[in-house]
Structure formats: structure tokens, C-alpha cells
Amino acid sequence: MPSPRGAAAQAGRAGAERPGQARVNACEQGLAAYVHTRDLDRALRVGQALDVGMVAVNRGRVSSVAAPFGGAKGSGWGRAGGPDALRDYLETRYLAIGRAA
């Protein structure tokens, strides 16, 4: 089955965690995922297992001004917004200073 281009939805019933994760992770795109559950442990487990750039739990909006915005796989590289966006413009430098004689 070809991977969807553009928006795609994967809906599953409670208890069907792994098949849903497998279908989401098999997609070539990976911008965002939405998890709806009453179980915080499940939300954290599923959120970590999904190969996407952003995960929203029990809310309709995944983005925030303070959070990095970006995807995984074919949905793009890097992040816009948040402190992670600054890394592209920074260069690490090491400065070693000895004691003056």
C-alpha cells in the first residue's frame, strides 16, 4: 500500500496500540500524531514509539509558540520555533585558558 501524501489519519480502538503504531511508522511522512487516552503511561509509551516530529495528547492542536515545530522522515528536517531552532545558527567553540606565568 503506498504511503499517503498530505494529511492522513489513523484511528484505532483502545487496546490496538501496536498495530496502529506500526501503520503510522510505516508512512513515509511523519509530521504529527495525536493520541487520545485516559492512561498517562499509555500516552507516554505511544508518544515515544511513534516516528513523528510532534505528538499531541488529548488535544487538537499540537503546535505552540514555545515548542519546536517540525517533522520526521519525509515531513522535513530540522525544527522551526523554540530553542531547538537556534541550533542551526550556533557554532560550538572550545576555549582553553591556562594560568599566566
PDB file of N, CA and C in Angstrom:
ATOM      1  N   MET A   1       0.841  -1.175   0.000  1.00  0.00           N
ATOM      2  CA  MET A   1       0.000   0.000   0.000  1.00  0.00           C
ATOM      3  C   MET A   1       0.890   1.244   0.000  1.00  0.00           C
ATOM      4  N   PRO A   2       0.670   2.181  -0.940  1.00  0.00           N
ATOM      5  CA  PRO A   2       1.510   3.371  -0.993  1.00  0.00           C
ATOM      6  C   PRO A   2       1.268   4.276   0.203  1.00  0.00           C
ATOM      7  N   SER A   3       2.301   5.023   0.561  1.00  0.00           N
ATOM      8  CA  SER A   3       2.197   5.963   1.669  1.00  0.00           C
ATOM      9  C   SER A   3       1.376   7.166   1.232  1.00  0.00           C
ATOM     10  N   PRO A   4       0.553   7.705   2.124  1.00  0.00           N
ATOM     11  CA  PRO A   4      -0.247   8.879   1.755  1.00  0.00           C
ATOM     12  C   PRO A   4       0.625  10.115   1.598  1.00  0.00           C
ATOM     13  N   ARG A   5       0.215  10.994   0.727  1.00  0.00           N
ATOM     14  CA  ARG A   5       0.843  12.314   0.587  1.00  0.00           C
ATOM     15  C   ARG A   5      -0.154  13.303   1.174  1.00  0.00           C
ATOM     16  N   GLY A   6       0.324  14.189   1.981  1.00  0.00           N
ATOM     17  CA  GLY A   6      -0.582  15.145   2.617  1.00  0.00           C
ATOM     18  C   GLY A   6      -1.106  14.569   3.916  1.00  0.00           C
ATOM     19  N   ALA A   7      -2.222  15.074   4.355  1.00  0.00           N
ATOM     20  CA  ALA A   7      -2.785  14.664   5.642  1.00  0.00           C
ATOM     21  C   ALA A   7      -3.299  13.226   5.589  1.00  0.00           C
ATOM     22  N   ALA A   8      -3.055  12.498   6.659  1.00  0.00           N
ATOM     23  CA  ALA A   8      -3.538  11.125   6.767  1.00  0.00           C
ATOM     24  C   ALA A   8      -3.998  10.903   8.198  1.00  0.00           C
ATOM     25  N   ALA A   9      -4.951  10.026   8.388  1.00  0.00           N
ATOM     26  CA  ALA A   9      -5.451   9.746   9.728  1.00  0.00           C
ATOM     27  C   ALA A   9      -5.413   8.253   9.986  1.00  0.00           C
ATOM     28  N   GLN A  10      -5.023   7.897  11.193  1.00  0.00           N
ATOM     29  CA  GLN A  10      -5.037   6.506  11.641  1.00  0.00           C
ATOM     30  C   GLN A  10      -5.830   6.495  12.942  1.00  0.00           C
ATOM     31  N   ALA A  11      -6.960   5.864  12.945  1.00  0.00           N
ATOM     32  CA  ALA A  11      -7.779   5.784  14.154  1.00  0.00           C
ATOM     33  C   ALA A  11      -7.862   4.327  14.586  1.00  0.00           C
ATOM     34  N   GLY A  12      -7.781   4.124  15.887  1.00  0.00           N
ATOM     35  CA  GLY A  12      -7.852   2.762  16.394  1.00  0.00           C
ATOM     36  C   GLY A  12      -8.559   2.717  17.728  1.00  0.00           C
ATOM     37  N   ARG A  13      -9.070   1.552  18.059  1.00  0.00           N
ATOM     38  CA  ARG A  13      -9.753   1.364  19.344  1.00  0.00           C
ATOM     39  C   ARG A  13      -8.749   1.102  20.445  1.00  0.00           C
ATOM     40  N   ALA A  14      -9.209   1.314  21.658  1.00  0.00           N
ATOM     41  CA  ALA A  14      -8.367   1.039  22.827  1.00  0.00           C
ATOM     42  C   ALA A  14      -7.889  -0.403  22.776  1.00  0.00           C
ATOM     43  N   GLY A  15      -6.654  -0.615  23.135  1.00  0.00           N
ATOM     44  CA  GLY A  15      -6.085  -1.951  23.129  1.00  0.00           C
ATOM     45  C   GLY A  15      -5.406  -2.309  21.821  1.00  0.00           C
ATOM     46  N   ALA A  16      -5.554  -1.475  20.799  1.00  0.00           N
ATOM     47  CA  ALA A  16      -4.951  -1.757  19.500  1.00  0.00           C
ATOM     48  C   ALA A  16      -3.729  -0.872  19.283  1.00  0.00           C
ATOM     49  N   GLU A  17      -2.899  -0.764  20.291  1.00  0.00           N
ATOM     50  CA  GLU A  17      -1.737   0.116  20.265  1.00  0.00           C
ATOM     51  C   GLU A  17      -0.731  -0.236  19.176  1.00  0.00           C
ATOM     52  N   ARG A  18      -0.219  -1.453  19.223  1.00  0.00           N
ATOM     53  CA  ARG A  18       0.883  -1.841  18.329  1.00  0.00           C
ATOM     54  C   ARG A  18       0.522  -1.816  16.841  1.00  0.00           C
ATOM     55  N   PRO A  19      -0.635  -2.314  16.439  1.00  0.00           N
ATOM     56  CA  PRO A  19      -0.949  -2.232  15.006  1.00  0.00           C
ATOM     57  C   PRO A  19      -1.058  -0.782  14.525  1.00  0.00           C
ATOM     58  N   GLY A  20      -1.608   0.080  15.358  1.00  0.00           N
ATOM     59  CA  GLY A  20      -1.704   1.492  14.989  1.00  0.00           C
ATOM     60  C   GLY A  20      -0.338   2.133  14.869  1.00  0.00           C
ATOM     61  N   GLN A  21       0.548   1.839  15.816  1.00  0.00           N
ATOM     62  CA  GLN A  21       1.906   2.374  15.760  1.00  0.00           C
ATOM     63  C   GLN A  21       2.619   1.897  14.504  1.00  0.00           C
ATOM     64  N   ALA A  22       2.457   0.635  14.186  1.00  0.00           N
ATOM     65  CA  ALA A  22       3.114   0.076  13.002  1.00  0.00           C
ATOM     66  C   ALA A  22       2.630   0.773  11.736  1.00  0.00           C
ATOM     67  N   ARG A  23       1.325   1.033  11.630  1.00  0.00           N
ATOM     68  CA  ARG A  23       0.790   1.707  10.440  1.00  0.00           C
ATOM     69  C   ARG A  23       1.299   3.148  10.354  1.00  0.00           C
ATOM     70  N   VAL A  24       1.322   3.846  11.473  1.00  0.00           N
ATOM     71  CA  VAL A  24       1.818   5.225  11.466  1.00  0.00           C
ATOM     72  C   VAL A  24       3.301   5.251  11.109  1.00  0.00           C
ATOM     73  N   ASN A  25       4.087   4.394  11.715  1.00  0.00           N
ATOM     74  CA  ASN A  25       5.528   4.384  11.479  1.00  0.00           C
ATOM     75  C   ASN A  25       5.896   3.917  10.076  1.00  0.00           C
ATOM     76  N   ALA A  26       5.005   3.193   9.416  1.00  0.00           N
ATOM     77  CA  ALA A  26       5.266   2.722   8.054  1.00  0.00           C
ATOM     78  C   ALA A  26       5.084   3.821   7.011  1.00  0.00           C
ATOM     79  N   CYS A  27       4.433   4.904   7.374  1.00  0.00           N
ATOM     80  CA  CYS A  27       4.223   6.016   6.435  1.00  0.00           C
ATOM     81  C   CYS A  27       5.545   6.706   6.135  1.00  0.00           C
ATOM     82  N   GLU A  28       5.663   7.228   4.925  1.00  0.00           N
ATOM     83  CA  GLU A  28       6.862   7.970   4.541  1.00  0.00           C
ATOM     84  C   GLU A  28       6.892   9.354   5.172  1.00  0.00           C
ATOM     85  N   GLN A  29       5.744   9.846   5.593  1.00  0.00           N
ATOM     86  CA  GLN A  29       5.634  11.161   6.213  1.00  0.00           C
ATOM     87  C   GLN A  29       5.554  11.006   7.725  1.00  0.00           C
ATOM     88  N   GLY A  30       5.876  12.059   8.463  1.00  0.00           N
ATOM     89  CA  GLY A  30       5.813  11.959   9.917  1.00  0.00           C
ATOM     90  C   GLY A  30       5.794  13.314  10.594  1.00  0.00           C
ATOM     91  N   LEU A  31       4.863  14.172  10.205  1.00  0.00           N
ATOM     92  CA  LEU A  31       4.818  15.499  10.809  1.00  0.00           C
ATOM     93  C   LEU A  31       4.298  15.431  12.244  1.00  0.00           C
ATOM     94  N   ALA A  32       3.096  14.906  12.434  1.00  0.00           N
ATOM     95  CA  ALA A  32       2.499  14.929  13.770  1.00  0.00           C
ATOM     96  C   ALA A  32       1.580  13.732  13.981  1.00  0.00           C
ATOM     97  N   ALA A  33       1.353  13.431  15.250  1.00  0.00           N
ATOM     98  CA  ALA A  33       0.413  12.370  15.627  1.00  0.00           C
ATOM     99  C   ALA A  33      -0.407  12.866  16.811  1.00  0.00           C
ATOM    100  N   TYR A  34      -1.582  12.330  16.942  1.00  0.00           N
ATOM    101  CA  TYR A  34      -2.497  12.709  18.016  1.00  0.00           C
ATOM    102  C   TYR A  34      -2.902  11.456  18.770  1.00  0.00           C
ATOM    103  N   VAL A  35      -2.749  11.485  20.081  1.00  0.00           N
ATOM    104  CA  VAL A  35      -3.074  10.343  20.930  1.00  0.00           C
ATOM    105  C   VAL A  35      -4.160  10.779  21.902  1.00  0.00           C
ATOM    106  N   HIS A  36      -5.228  10.008  21.964  1.00  0.00           N
ATOM    107  CA  HIS A  36      -6.313  10.288  22.901  1.00  0.00           C
ATOM    108  C   HIS A  36      -6.468   9.093  23.824  1.00  0.00           C
ATOM    109  N   THR A  37      -6.231   9.310  25.118  1.00  0.00           N
ATOM    110  CA  THR A  37      -6.303   8.233  26.099  1.00  0.00           C
ATOM    111  C   THR A  37      -6.478   8.813  27.492  1.00  0.00           C
ATOM    112  N   ARG A  38      -7.009   8.015  28.398  1.00  0.00           N
ATOM    113  CA  ARG A  38      -7.100   8.408  29.809  1.00  0.00           C
ATOM    114  C   ARG A  38      -5.877   7.940  30.592  1.00  0.00           C
ATOM    115  N   ASP A  39      -5.060   7.112  29.975  1.00  0.00           N
ATOM    116  CA  ASP A  39      -3.925   6.472  30.629  1.00  0.00           C
ATOM    117  C   ASP A  39      -2.632   7.221  30.286  1.00  0.00           C
ATOM    118  N   LEU A  40      -2.056   7.926  31.261  1.00  0.00           N
ATOM    119  CA  LEU A  40      -0.843   8.700  31.022  1.00  0.00           C
ATOM    120  C   LEU A  40       0.324   7.804  30.625  1.00  0.00           C
ATOM    121  N   ASP A  41       0.458   6.649  31.246  1.00  0.00           N
ATOM    122  CA  ASP A  41       1.537   5.728  30.870  1.00  0.00           C
ATOM    123  C   ASP A  41       1.425   5.328  29.405  1.00  0.00           C
ATOM    124  N   ARG A  42       0.213   5.053  28.950  1.00  0.00           N
ATOM    125  CA  ARG A  42       0.000   4.695  27.536  1.00  0.00           C
ATOM    126  C   ARG A  42       0.351   5.872  26.635  1.00  0.00           C
ATOM    127  N   ALA A  43      -0.060   7.072  27.016  1.00  0.00           N
ATOM    128  CA  ALA A  43       0.232   8.258  26.202  1.00  0.00           C
ATOM    129  C   ALA A  43       1.738   8.434  26.042  1.00  0.00           C
ATOM    130  N   LEU A  44       2.490   8.286  27.125  1.00  0.00           N
ATOM    131  CA  LEU A  44       3.939   8.438  27.062  1.00  0.00           C
ATOM    132  C   LEU A  44       4.585   7.322  26.241  1.00  0.00           C
ATOM    133  N   ARG A  45       4.118   6.106  26.421  1.00  0.00           N
ATOM    134  CA  ARG A  45       4.657   4.954  25.692  1.00  0.00           C
ATOM    135  C   ARG A  45       4.404   5.095  24.188  1.00  0.00           C
ATOM    136  N   VAL A  46       3.186   5.424  23.827  1.00  0.00           N
ATOM    137  CA  VAL A  46       2.830   5.557  22.414  1.00  0.00           C
ATOM    138  C   VAL A  46       3.540   6.769  21.809  1.00  0.00           C
ATOM    139  N   GLY A  47       3.576   7.869  22.553  1.00  0.00           N
ATOM    140  CA  GLY A  47       4.247   9.065  22.054  1.00  0.00           C
ATOM    141  C   GLY A  47       5.705   8.820  21.739  1.00  0.00           C
ATOM    142  N   GLN A  48       6.383   8.028  22.562  1.00  0.00           N
ATOM    143  CA  GLN A  48       7.783   7.695  22.320  1.00  0.00           C
ATOM    144  C   GLN A  48       7.949   6.734  21.137  1.00  0.00           C
ATOM    145  N   ALA A  49       6.979   5.880  20.924  1.00  0.00           N
ATOM    146  CA  ALA A  49       7.093   4.841  19.892  1.00  0.00           C
ATOM    147  C   ALA A  49       6.783   5.345  18.486  1.00  0.00           C
ATOM    148  N   LEU A  50       6.059   6.464  18.370  1.00  0.00           N
ATOM    149  CA  LEU A  50       5.672   6.963  17.058  1.00  0.00           C
ATOM    150  C   LEU A  50       6.822   7.727  16.408  1.00  0.00           C
ATOM    151  N   ASP A  51       7.097   7.424  15.149  1.00  0.00           N
ATOM    152  CA  ASP A  51       8.177   8.064  14.410  1.00  0.00           C
ATOM    153  C   ASP A  51       7.642   9.308  13.701  1.00  0.00           C
ATOM    154  N   VAL A  52       7.367  10.332  14.502  1.00  0.00           N
ATOM    155  CA  VAL A  52       6.856  11.612  14.008  1.00  0.00           C
ATOM    156  C   VAL A  52       7.604  12.730  14.728  1.00  0.00           C
ATOM    157  N   GLY A  53       7.477  13.937  14.211  1.00  0.00           N
ATOM    158  CA  GLY A  53       8.167  15.063  14.814  1.00  0.00           C
ATOM    159  C   GLY A  53       7.479  15.633  16.036  1.00  0.00           C
ATOM    160  N   MET A  54       6.158  15.529  16.105  1.00  0.00           N
ATOM    161  CA  MET A  54       5.388  16.118  17.210  1.00  0.00           C
ATOM    162  C   MET A  54       4.238  15.187  17.575  1.00  0.00           C
ATOM    163  N   VAL A  55       3.914  15.129  18.851  1.00  0.00           N
ATOM    164  CA  VAL A  55       2.790  14.315  19.314  1.00  0.00           C
ATOM    165  C   VAL A  55       1.937  15.162  20.246  1.00  0.00           C
ATOM    166  N   ALA A  56       0.642  15.215  19.988  1.00  0.00           N
ATOM    167  CA  ALA A  56      -0.310  15.890  20.866  1.00  0.00           C
ATOM    168  C   ALA A  56      -1.092  14.821  21.618  1.00  0.00           C
ATOM    169  N   VAL A  57      -1.247  15.011  22.904  1.00  0.00           N
ATOM    170  CA  VAL A  57      -2.006  14.067  23.731  1.00  0.00           C
ATOM    171  C   VAL A  57      -3.256  14.771  24.247  1.00  0.00           C
ATOM    172  N   ASN A  58      -4.400  14.224  23.902  1.00  0.00           N
ATOM    173  CA  ASN A  58      -5.700  14.714  24.363  1.00  0.00           C
ATOM    174  C   ASN A  58      -5.943  16.185  24.037  1.00  0.00           C
ATOM    175  N   ARG A  59      -5.461  16.622  22.905  1.00  0.00           N
ATOM    176  CA  ARG A  59      -5.734  17.986  22.451  1.00  0.00           C
ATOM    177  C   ARG A  59      -5.696  18.029  20.938  1.00  0.00           C
ATOM    178  N   GLY A  60      -6.373  18.980  20.374  1.00  0.00           N
ATOM    179  CA  GLY A  60      -6.470  19.078  18.924  1.00  0.00           C
ATOM    180  C   GLY A  60      -5.347  19.844  18.269  1.00  0.00           C
ATOM    181  N   ARG A  61      -4.621  20.630  19.034  1.00  0.00           N
ATOM    182  CA  ARG A  61      -3.524  21.424  18.478  1.00  0.00           C
ATOM    183  C   ARG A  61      -2.202  20.905  19.013  1.00  0.00           C
ATOM    184  N   VAL A  62      -1.292  20.622  18.103  1.00  0.00           N
ATOM    185  CA  VAL A  62       0.000  20.086  18.511  1.00  0.00           C
ATOM    186  C   VAL A  62       1.039  21.192  18.656  1.00  0.00           C
ATOM    187  N   SER A  63       0.861  22.308  17.969  1.00  0.00           N
ATOM    188  CA  SER A  63       1.894  23.340  17.948  1.00  0.00           C
ATOM    189  C   SER A  63       1.712  24.370  19.061  1.00  0.00           C
ATOM    190  N   SER A  64       2.826  25.005  19.391  1.00  0.00           N
ATOM    191  CA  SER A  64       2.864  26.057  20.394  1.00  0.00           C
ATOM    192  C   SER A  64       4.020  26.975  20.028  1.00  0.00           C
ATOM    193  N   VAL A  65       3.909  28.244  20.351  1.00  0.00           N
ATOM    194  CA  VAL A  65       4.974  29.195  20.044  1.00  0.00           C
ATOM    195  C   VAL A  65       6.286  28.787  20.704  1.00  0.00           C
ATOM    196  N   ALA A  66       6.204  28.238  21.906  1.00  0.00           N
ATOM    197  CA  ALA A  66       7.409  27.891  22.662  1.00  0.00           C
ATOM    198  C   ALA A  66       7.986  26.530  22.301  1.00  0.00           C
ATOM    199  N   ALA A  67       7.294  25.773  21.482  1.00  0.00           N
ATOM    200  CA  ALA A  67       7.734  24.411  21.161  1.00  0.00           C
ATOM    201  C   ALA A  67       8.333  24.346  19.759  1.00  0.00           C
ATOM    202  N   PRO A  68       9.314  23.478  19.557  1.00  0.00           N
ATOM    203  CA  PRO A  68       9.866  23.307  18.211  1.00  0.00           C
ATOM    204  C   PRO A  68       8.839  22.678  17.273  1.00  0.00           C
ATOM    205  N   PHE A  69       8.774  23.160  16.039  1.00  0.00           N
ATOM    206  CA  PHE A  69       7.828  22.664  15.049  1.00  0.00           C
ATOM    207  C   PHE A  69       8.613  21.998  13.938  1.00  0.00           C
ATOM    208  N   GLY A  70       8.318  20.735  13.659  1.00  0.00           N
ATOM    209  CA  GLY A  70       8.979  20.040  12.565  1.00  0.00           C
ATOM    210  C   GLY A  70       8.601  18.583  12.547  1.00  0.00           C
ATOM    211  N   GLY A  71       8.906  17.939  11.452  1.00  0.00           N
ATOM    212  CA  GLY A  71       8.508  16.554  11.275  1.00  0.00           C
ATOM    213  C   GLY A  71       9.678  15.594  11.246  1.00  0.00           C
ATOM    214  N   ALA A  72       9.366  14.373  10.879  1.00  0.00           N
ATOM    215  CA  ALA A  72      10.350  13.307  10.743  1.00  0.00           C
ATOM    216  C   ALA A  72      10.158  12.689   9.357  1.00  0.00           C
ATOM    217  N   LYS A  73      11.130  11.945   8.932  1.00  0.00           N
ATOM    218  CA  LYS A  73      11.090  11.242   7.644  1.00  0.00           C
ATOM    219  C   LYS A  73      10.841  12.247   6.522  1.00  0.00           C
ATOM    220  N   GLY A  74       9.874  12.007   5.656  1.00  0.00           N
ATOM    221  CA  GLY A  74       9.598  12.871   4.518  1.00  0.00           C
ATOM    222  C   GLY A  74       8.919  14.179   4.866  1.00  0.00           C
ATOM    223  N   SER A  75       8.646  14.409   6.123  1.00  0.00           N
ATOM    224  CA  SER A  75       7.990  15.653   6.535  1.00  0.00           C
ATOM    225  C   SER A  75       8.989  16.741   6.891  1.00  0.00           C
ATOM    226  N   GLY A  76      10.239  16.521   6.640  1.00  0.00           N
ATOM    227  CA  GLY A  76      11.217  17.588   6.815  1.00  0.00           C
ATOM    228  C   GLY A  76      12.262  17.325   7.863  1.00  0.00           C
ATOM    229  N   TRP A  77      13.331  18.097   7.755  1.00  0.00           N
ATOM    230  CA  TRP A  77      14.449  18.039   8.685  1.00  0.00           C
ATOM    231  C   TRP A  77      14.491  19.335   9.459  1.00  0.00           C
ATOM    232  N   GLY A  78      15.005  19.287  10.668  1.00  0.00           N
ATOM    233  CA  GLY A  78      15.168  20.490  11.467  1.00  0.00           C
ATOM    234  C   GLY A  78      13.893  20.902  12.171  1.00  0.00           C
ATOM    235  N   ARG A  79      14.014  21.974  12.917  1.00  0.00           N
ATOM    236  CA  ARG A  79      12.890  22.484  13.690  1.00  0.00           C
ATOM    237  C   ARG A  79      12.808  23.989  13.525  1.00  0.00           C
ATOM    238  N   ALA A  80      11.599  24.496  13.496  1.00  0.00           N
ATOM    239  CA  ALA A  80      11.356  25.934  13.498  1.00  0.00           C
ATOM    240  C   ALA A  80      10.682  26.277  14.816  1.00  0.00           C
ATOM    241  N   GLY A  81      11.086  27.356  15.432  1.00  0.00           N
ATOM    242  CA  GLY A  81      10.485  27.769  16.693  1.00  0.00           C
ATOM    243  C   GLY A  81      11.091  27.049  17.879  1.00  0.00           C
ATOM    244  N   GLY A  82      10.961  27.644  19.031  1.00  0.00           N
ATOM    245  CA  GLY A  82      11.511  27.046  20.240  1.00  0.00           C
ATOM    246  C   GLY A  82      13.025  27.118  20.253  1.00  0.00           C
ATOM    247  N   PRO A  83      13.637  26.728  21.345  1.00  0.00           N
ATOM    248  CA  PRO A  83      15.101  26.815  21.449  1.00  0.00           C
ATOM    249  C   PRO A  83      15.849  25.908  20.477  1.00  0.00           C
ATOM    250  N   ASP A  84      15.239  24.820  20.024  1.00  0.00           N
ATOM    251  CA  ASP A  84      15.918  23.920  19.089  1.00  0.00           C
ATOM    252  C   ASP A  84      16.180  24.580  17.743  1.00  0.00           C
ATOM    253  N   ALA A  85      15.384  25.571  17.370  1.00  0.00           N
ATOM    254  CA  ALA A  85      15.562  26.243  16.085  1.00  0.00           C
ATOM    255  C   ALA A  85      16.858  27.042  16.046  1.00  0.00           C
ATOM    256  N   LEU A  86      17.386  27.435  17.186  1.00  0.00           N
ATOM    257  CA  LEU A  86      18.618  28.225  17.234  1.00  0.00           C
ATOM    258  C   LEU A  86      19.856  27.412  16.913  1.00  0.00           C
ATOM    259  N   ARG A  87      19.804  26.122  17.069  1.00  0.00           N
ATOM    260  CA  ARG A  87      20.996  25.280  16.869  1.00  0.00           C
ATOM    261  C   ARG A  87      21.593  25.410  15.478  1.00  0.00           C
ATOM    262  N   ASP A  88      20.754  25.662  14.467  1.00  0.00           N
ATOM    263  CA  ASP A  88      21.264  25.814  13.105  1.00  0.00           C
ATOM    264  C   ASP A  88      22.122  27.064  12.955  1.00  0.00           C
ATOM    265  N   TYR A  89      21.987  28.014  13.857  1.00  0.00           N
ATOM    266  CA  TYR A  89      22.702  29.285  13.754  1.00  0.00           C
ATOM    267  C   TYR A  89      23.842  29.408  14.762  1.00  0.00           C
ATOM    268  N   LEU A  90      24.091  28.374  15.524  1.00  0.00           N
ATOM    269  CA  LEU A  90      25.135  28.395  16.543  1.00  0.00           C
ATOM    270  C   LEU A  90      26.309  27.523  16.141  1.00  0.00           C
ATOM    271  N   GLU A  91      27.480  27.902  16.598  1.00  0.00           N
ATOM    272  CA  GLU A  91      28.673  27.102  16.370  1.00  0.00           C
ATOM    273  C   GLU A  91      29.362  26.920  17.718  1.00  0.00           C
ATOM    274  N   THR A  92      29.595  25.680  18.089  1.00  0.00           N
ATOM    275  CA  THR A  92      30.234  25.385  19.366  1.00  0.00           C
ATOM    276  C   THR A  92      31.721  25.705  19.281  1.00  0.00           C
ATOM    277  N   ARG A  93      32.217  26.370  20.304  1.00  0.00           N
ATOM    278  CA  ARG A  93      33.634  26.704  20.346  1.00  0.00           C
ATOM    279  C   ARG A  93      34.172  26.360  21.725  1.00  0.00           C
ATOM    280  N   TYR A  94      35.357  25.792  21.748  1.00  0.00           N
ATOM    281  CA  TYR A  94      36.029  25.444  22.997  1.00  0.00           C
ATOM    282  C   TYR A  94      37.165  26.430  23.205  1.00  0.00           C
ATOM    283  N   LEU A  95      37.231  27.018  24.377  1.00  0.00           N
ATOM    284  CA  LEU A  95      38.284  27.970  24.706  1.00  0.00           C
ATOM    285  C   LEU A  95      38.984  27.492  25.965  1.00  0.00           C
ATOM    286  N   ALA A  96      40.257  27.154  25.854  1.00  0.00           N
ATOM    287  CA  ALA A  96      41.033  26.680  26.989  1.00  0.00           C
ATOM    288  C   ALA A  96      41.958  27.808  27.441  1.00  0.00           C
ATOM    289  N   ILE A  97      41.901  28.128  28.710  1.00  0.00           N
ATOM    290  CA  ILE A  97      42.711  29.205  29.262  1.00  0.00           C
ATOM    291  C   ILE A  97      43.630  28.651  30.334  1.00  0.00           C
ATOM    292  N   GLY A  98      44.911  28.906  30.156  1.00  0.00           N
ATOM    293  CA  GLY A  98      45.899  28.469  31.144  1.00  0.00           C
ATOM    294  C   GLY A  98      46.230  29.594  32.111  1.00  0.00           C
ATOM    295  N   ARG A  99      46.906  29.230  33.149  1.00  0.00           N
ATOM    296  CA  ARG A  99      47.307  30.211  34.148  1.00  0.00           C
ATOM    297  C   ARG A  99      48.480  31.040  33.606  1.00  0.00           C
ATOM    298  N   ALA A 100      48.428  32.348  33.788  1.00  0.00           N
ATOM    299  CA  ALA A 100      49.528  33.217  33.345  1.00  0.00           C
ATOM    300  C   ALA A 100      50.773  32.976  34.185  1.00  0.00           C
ATOM    301  N   ALA A 101      51.944  32.999  33.536  1.00  0.00           N
ATOM    302  CA  ALA A 101      53.201  32.738  34.248  1.00  0.00           C
ATOM    303  C   ALA A 101      53.692  33.946  34.998  1.00  0.00           C
TER     304      ALA A 101
END
